[in-house]
Amino acid sequence: MPNIIEITDLNDPALAPYFRLTEAQLRNKRNPAEGIFIAESHKVIGHALDAGCVPLSFLMERRQIGGISGTILDRCPDVPVYTADRDVLANLTGYELTRGCLCAMRRPAPRTVEEVTQNARRVAVLDGIVDASNVGAILRSAAALHMDAVLLSPTCCDPLHRRCVRVSMGTVFQIPWARLDRDWPKQLRDLGIKTAALALTDRSVGIDDKTLAAEERLALVLGTEGDGLAPEIIESCDYTVRIPMSHGVDSLNVAAAAAVAFWELRIR
């Protein structure tokens, strides 16, 4: 039976992860082993459980306990489930719950770049992308469009940021990802992975270039919103790649560009 706990005090410390702690506090950089993230909706929570993530508690609308979200509780019989009616929870969190169900989970142990790229032939590299929605969308496209791993620079948004997890629709738990070193172009060269920067320069080649498609191991490098990749990063890459466009449009949103690149340069 689920461990149902009726919410009677909105200041209960057990509810802090859901509405009082910032993303930085949830992540807990001083003690990463104690870090937490929030998963939203039964589908996303299910993917997290499938990946081995450990649930700490649930926050769920009362009507969801016997509904589709309640099926998740069968997998976590001893985990506390804090509940109340929809209007009470909306007051608690400041907004209506996404599909009526949230779960606080222990952050998984980080994986190394070497581990996630061991057998990878196509890799996405995110350099300095800070918008959580963009990172979430790129993770979803990477999982769907045949990337083997996603690597993030030190300044990139946390993939377990609440919005990122939600936008990714849980694919952040399905595709391997890891953090790169600061000198990541050298790190990838040492692993035998060629790099292709998505950028507009005089030496860029079209994304349908046959040489690119023939590379055995290739990393597609995507830059930050607005400014794109820094000149030194572009210079350090083996290729510079452009997506041909019409009507005088010079660029796409980084998440849209990622989807095009992933599909075009997938292993066929």
Protein backbone atom coordinates (compact mmCIF):
# COMPACT_ATOMS: atom_id res chain seq x y z
CA MET A 1 0.00 0.00 0.00
CA PRO A 2 1.23 3.54 -0.74
CA ASN A 3 2.50 5.52 2.24
CA ILE A 4 -0.04 8.37 1.98
CA ILE A 5 0.56 11.49 4.09
CA GLU A 6 -2.09 14.22 4.16
CA ILE A 7 -0.62 17.72 3.92
CA THR A 8 -1.65 19.72 6.99
CA ASP A 9 1.28 22.15 7.26
CA LEU A 10 2.64 23.92 4.19
CA ASN A 11 5.84 24.67 6.14
CA ASP A 12 6.64 20.98 6.64
CA PRO A 13 10.41 20.63 5.92
CA ALA A 14 9.67 17.46 3.95
CA LEU A 15 7.94 19.61 1.32
CA ALA A 16 10.89 22.01 0.89
CA PRO A 17 12.32 20.33 -2.25
CA TYR A 18 9.10 21.03 -4.11
CA PHE A 19 8.80 24.75 -3.60
CA ARG A 20 11.38 26.30 -1.22
CA LEU A 21 14.75 25.00 -2.43
CA THR A 22 16.45 26.60 -5.44
CA GLU A 23 17.98 24.50 -8.22
CA ALA A 24 21.42 25.20 -6.74
CA GLN A 25 20.29 24.00 -3.32
CA LEU A 26 18.73 20.88 -4.80
CA ARG A 27 21.93 20.10 -6.67
CA ASN A 28 24.04 20.52 -3.50
CA LYS A 29 27.48 21.10 -5.03
CA ARG A 30 29.15 20.86 -1.63
CA ASN A 31 27.92 17.32 -1.23
CA PRO A 32 26.84 15.96 -4.64
CA ALA A 33 25.95 12.57 -3.15
CA GLU A 34 23.10 14.33 -1.30
CA GLY A 35 21.82 16.14 -4.39
CA ILE A 36 18.17 15.97 -5.41
CA PHE A 37 16.22 16.63 -8.60
CA ILE A 38 12.50 16.93 -9.29
CA ALA A 39 10.73 14.79 -11.90
CA GLU A 40 7.25 15.75 -13.12
CA SER A 41 4.48 13.52 -14.55
CA HIS A 42 4.09 9.77 -14.33
CA LYS A 43 5.82 9.24 -17.70
CA VAL A 44 8.97 11.15 -16.75
CA ILE A 45 9.06 9.58 -13.28
CA GLY A 46 8.70 6.15 -14.87
CA HIS A 47 11.72 6.76 -17.12
CA ALA A 48 13.73 7.89 -14.08
CA LEU A 49 12.78 4.76 -12.15
CA ASP A 50 13.68 2.59 -15.17
CA ALA A 51 17.13 4.23 -15.15
CA GLY A 52 17.62 3.31 -11.49
CA CYS A 53 16.99 6.71 -9.91
CA VAL A 54 16.00 6.52 -6.25
CA PRO A 55 12.70 8.23 -5.25
CA LEU A 56 12.65 10.11 -1.94
CA SER A 57 9.05 11.33 -1.86
CA PHE A 58 6.06 12.20 -4.04
CA LEU A 59 3.81 15.24 -4.15
CA MET A 60 0.56 14.19 -5.79
CA GLU A 61 -2.97 15.46 -6.23
CA ARG A 62 -5.37 13.29 -4.29
CA ARG A 63 -7.31 12.32 -7.43
CA GLN A 64 -4.12 11.07 -9.08
CA ILE A 65 -3.43 8.43 -6.43
CA GLY A 66 -6.06 6.12 -7.86
CA GLY A 67 -5.45 7.23 -11.46
CA ILE A 68 -2.70 6.72 -13.99
CA SER A 69 -0.05 8.41 -11.81
CA GLY A 70 -0.95 6.00 -9.05
CA THR A 71 0.55 3.12 -11.03
CA ILE A 72 3.97 4.61 -10.26
CA LEU A 73 3.30 4.20 -6.55
CA ASP A 74 3.09 0.42 -6.96
CA ARG A 75 6.80 0.52 -7.79
CA CYS A 76 7.64 2.57 -4.69
CA PRO A 77 5.50 1.15 -1.85
CA ASP A 78 7.53 2.60 1.04
CA VAL A 79 8.12 6.09 -0.36
CA PRO A 80 6.11 8.91 1.31
CA VAL A 81 3.33 10.36 -0.83
CA TYR A 82 2.31 13.87 0.25
CA THR A 83 -1.15 14.72 -0.99
CA ALA A 84 -3.99 17.24 -0.91
CA ASP A 85 -6.66 18.54 -3.22
CA ARG A 86 -5.69 20.34 -6.44
CA ASP A 87 -6.35 23.88 -5.14
CA VAL A 88 -4.27 23.31 -2.00
CA LEU A 89 -1.31 22.04 -4.02
CA ALA A 90 -1.61 24.90 -6.48
CA ASN A 91 -1.36 27.29 -3.53
CA LEU A 92 1.63 25.34 -2.19
CA THR A 93 3.67 25.32 -5.38
CA GLY A 94 2.43 28.54 -6.97
CA TYR A 95 1.13 26.70 -10.03
CA GLU A 96 -0.85 23.62 -10.90
CA LEU A 97 1.17 20.42 -10.82
CA THR A 98 2.30 19.03 -14.14
CA ARG A 99 -0.09 16.13 -14.70
CA GLY A 100 -0.74 16.15 -10.97
CA CYS A 101 2.42 14.39 -9.85
CA LEU A 102 5.94 15.37 -8.75
CA CYS A 103 8.73 13.19 -7.38
CA ALA A 104 11.86 14.22 -5.49
CA MET A 105 14.68 11.86 -6.43
CA ARG A 106 18.30 11.34 -5.49
CA ARG A 107 20.68 12.55 -8.20
CA PRO A 108 22.43 9.61 -9.88
CA ALA A 109 26.20 9.29 -9.65
CA PRO A 110 27.86 11.23 -12.49
CA ARG A 111 29.27 9.27 -15.41
CA THR A 112 32.59 10.00 -17.10
CA VAL A 113 33.10 11.14 -20.67
CA GLU A 114 35.18 8.04 -21.33
CA GLU A 115 32.38 5.82 -20.08
CA VAL A 116 29.55 7.31 -22.13
CA THR A 117 31.59 7.57 -25.34
CA GLN A 118 33.26 4.17 -25.18
CA ASN A 119 31.26 2.76 -28.10
CA ALA A 120 29.74 6.01 -29.35
CA ARG A 121 29.89 6.90 -33.04
CA ARG A 122 27.75 10.04 -32.95
CA VAL A 123 27.91 12.46 -30.04
CA ALA A 124 26.26 15.81 -29.31
CA VAL A 125 28.39 18.44 -27.56
CA LEU A 126 26.62 21.35 -25.86
CA ASP A 127 28.94 24.28 -25.24
CA GLY A 128 27.68 26.91 -22.82
CA ILE A 129 23.97 26.42 -23.54
CA VAL A 130 22.26 27.84 -20.48
CA ASP A 131 18.55 27.75 -21.33
CA ALA A 132 16.98 24.72 -19.64
CA SER A 133 14.26 24.38 -22.27
CA ASN A 134 16.81 24.28 -25.08
CA VAL A 135 18.94 21.70 -23.30
CA GLY A 136 15.86 19.57 -22.62
CA ALA A 137 14.74 19.79 -26.25
CA ILE A 138 18.23 18.86 -27.49
CA LEU A 139 18.36 15.86 -25.18
CA ARG A 140 15.00 14.70 -26.51
CA SER A 141 16.15 15.07 -30.12
CA ALA A 142 19.46 13.36 -29.38
CA ALA A 143 17.67 10.35 -27.93
CA ALA A 144 15.15 10.19 -30.77
CA LEU A 145 17.48 10.92 -33.70
CA HIS A 146 20.23 8.36 -33.15
CA MET A 147 22.87 10.16 -31.09
CA ASP A 148 24.81 7.79 -28.83
CA ALA A 149 25.67 10.28 -26.08
CA VAL A 150 25.44 13.94 -25.05
CA LEU A 151 28.39 15.82 -23.58
CA LEU A 152 28.06 19.15 -21.79
CA SER A 153 30.68 21.83 -21.22
CA PRO A 154 31.25 23.03 -17.64
CA THR A 155 29.13 26.15 -18.26
CA CYS A 156 26.15 24.29 -19.72
CA CYS A 157 22.80 24.07 -17.94
CA ASP A 158 22.30 21.15 -15.57
CA PRO A 159 20.48 18.34 -17.45
CA LEU A 160 18.61 17.52 -14.22
CA HIS A 161 17.26 21.05 -13.88
CA ARG A 162 13.52 20.75 -13.29
CA ARG A 163 12.49 22.41 -16.56
CA CYS A 164 15.12 20.52 -18.54
CA VAL A 165 13.89 17.17 -17.23
CA ARG A 166 10.30 18.13 -18.09
CA VAL A 167 11.06 19.38 -21.62
CA SER A 168 13.18 16.32 -22.35
CA MET A 169 10.12 14.17 -21.55
CA GLY A 170 12.38 11.94 -19.47
CA THR A 171 14.85 11.18 -22.27
CA VAL A 172 17.57 12.65 -20.04
CA PHE A 173 17.36 9.26 -18.30
CA GLN A 174 17.52 7.32 -21.55
CA ILE A 175 20.54 8.77 -23.36
CA PRO A 176 24.00 8.69 -21.70
CA TRP A 177 25.42 12.10 -20.80
CA ALA A 178 28.45 13.47 -19.00
CA ARG A 179 30.31 16.69 -18.19
CA LEU A 180 33.37 17.65 -20.21
CA ASP A 181 36.62 19.16 -18.96
CA ARG A 182 37.32 22.83 -19.63
CA ASP A 183 39.75 21.86 -22.40
CA TRP A 184 37.20 19.58 -23.99
CA PRO A 185 38.38 19.85 -27.64
CA LYS A 186 41.63 18.16 -26.59
CA GLN A 187 39.68 15.70 -24.46
CA LEU A 188 37.70 14.56 -27.50
CA ARG A 189 40.77 14.44 -29.75
CA ASP A 190 42.46 12.16 -27.23
CA LEU A 191 39.43 9.86 -27.47
CA GLY A 192 39.68 9.72 -31.25
CA ILE A 193 36.47 11.67 -31.86
CA LYS A 194 36.39 14.22 -34.68
CA THR A 195 34.49 17.45 -34.03
CA ALA A 196 32.12 19.42 -36.26
CA ALA A 197 31.13 22.92 -35.12
CA LEU A 198 27.73 24.16 -36.28
CA ALA A 199 28.59 27.73 -37.25
CA LEU A 200 28.63 30.17 -40.16
CA THR A 201 32.19 30.85 -41.31
CA ASP A 202 34.03 31.15 -44.62
CA ARG A 203 35.33 27.59 -44.29
CA SER A 204 32.06 25.92 -43.33
CA VAL A 205 30.79 22.98 -45.39
CA GLY A 206 27.20 21.96 -45.98
CA ILE A 207 25.69 19.54 -43.52
CA ASP A 208 25.18 17.05 -46.35
CA ASP A 209 28.94 16.89 -47.05
CA LYS A 210 29.89 13.26 -47.74
CA THR A 211 33.18 13.55 -45.83
CA LEU A 212 31.28 14.35 -42.66
CA ALA A 213 28.90 11.44 -43.10
CA ALA A 214 31.84 9.09 -43.61
CA GLU A 215 33.51 9.92 -40.29
CA GLU A 216 33.59 6.87 -38.04
CA ARG A 217 33.27 8.90 -34.83
CA LEU A 218 31.90 12.44 -34.93
CA ALA A 219 30.83 14.99 -32.33
CA LEU A 220 28.36 17.69 -33.37
CA VAL A 221 29.17 20.87 -31.45
CA LEU A 222 26.38 23.32 -30.63
CA GLY A 223 26.92 26.75 -29.11
CA THR A 224 25.15 29.06 -26.72
CA GLU A 225 21.96 30.91 -27.57
CA GLY A 226 22.49 34.16 -29.45
CA ASP A 227 26.27 34.32 -29.78
CA GLY A 228 26.83 30.72 -30.85
CA LEU A 229 30.24 29.12 -30.55
CA ALA A 230 33.28 31.18 -29.59
CA PRO A 231 35.86 31.68 -32.39
CA GLU A 232 38.49 29.67 -30.51
CA ILE A 233 36.11 26.71 -30.20
CA ILE A 234 35.29 26.84 -33.93
CA GLU A 235 39.00 26.99 -34.75
CA SER A 236 39.73 23.98 -32.57
CA CYS A 237 37.16 21.77 -34.36
CA ASP A 238 37.97 19.55 -37.31
CA TYR A 239 35.01 20.80 -39.36
CA THR A 240 32.73 23.80 -39.45
CA VAL A 241 29.25 22.93 -40.67
CA ARG A 242 26.31 25.01 -41.87
CA ILE A 243 22.68 24.17 -42.50
CA PRO A 244 21.64 25.68 -45.85
CA MET A 245 18.64 28.00 -45.42
CA SER A 246 16.36 30.14 -47.55
CA HIS A 247 14.45 33.45 -47.40
CA GLY A 248 17.49 35.22 -45.97
CA VAL A 249 17.25 33.43 -42.61
CA ASP A 250 20.74 33.23 -41.11
CA SER A 251 20.20 30.76 -38.26
CA LEU A 252 17.85 28.48 -36.36
CA ASN A 253 17.13 28.15 -32.68
CA VAL A 254 19.85 25.89 -31.28
CA ALA A 255 17.39 23.11 -30.44
CA ALA A 256 15.96 23.16 -33.97
CA ALA A 257 19.44 23.20 -35.52
CA ALA A 258 20.42 20.25 -33.33
CA ALA A 259 17.48 18.16 -34.57
CA VAL A 260 18.36 18.85 -38.22
CA ALA A 261 22.04 18.01 -37.64
CA PHE A 262 21.34 14.85 -35.67
CA TRP A 263 19.07 13.47 -38.37
CA GLU A 264 21.30 14.41 -41.30
CA LEU A 265 24.54 13.06 -39.77
CA ARG A 266 23.20 9.95 -38.07
CA ILE A 267 24.83 6.58 -38.78
CA ARG A 268 22.80 5.10 -41.62
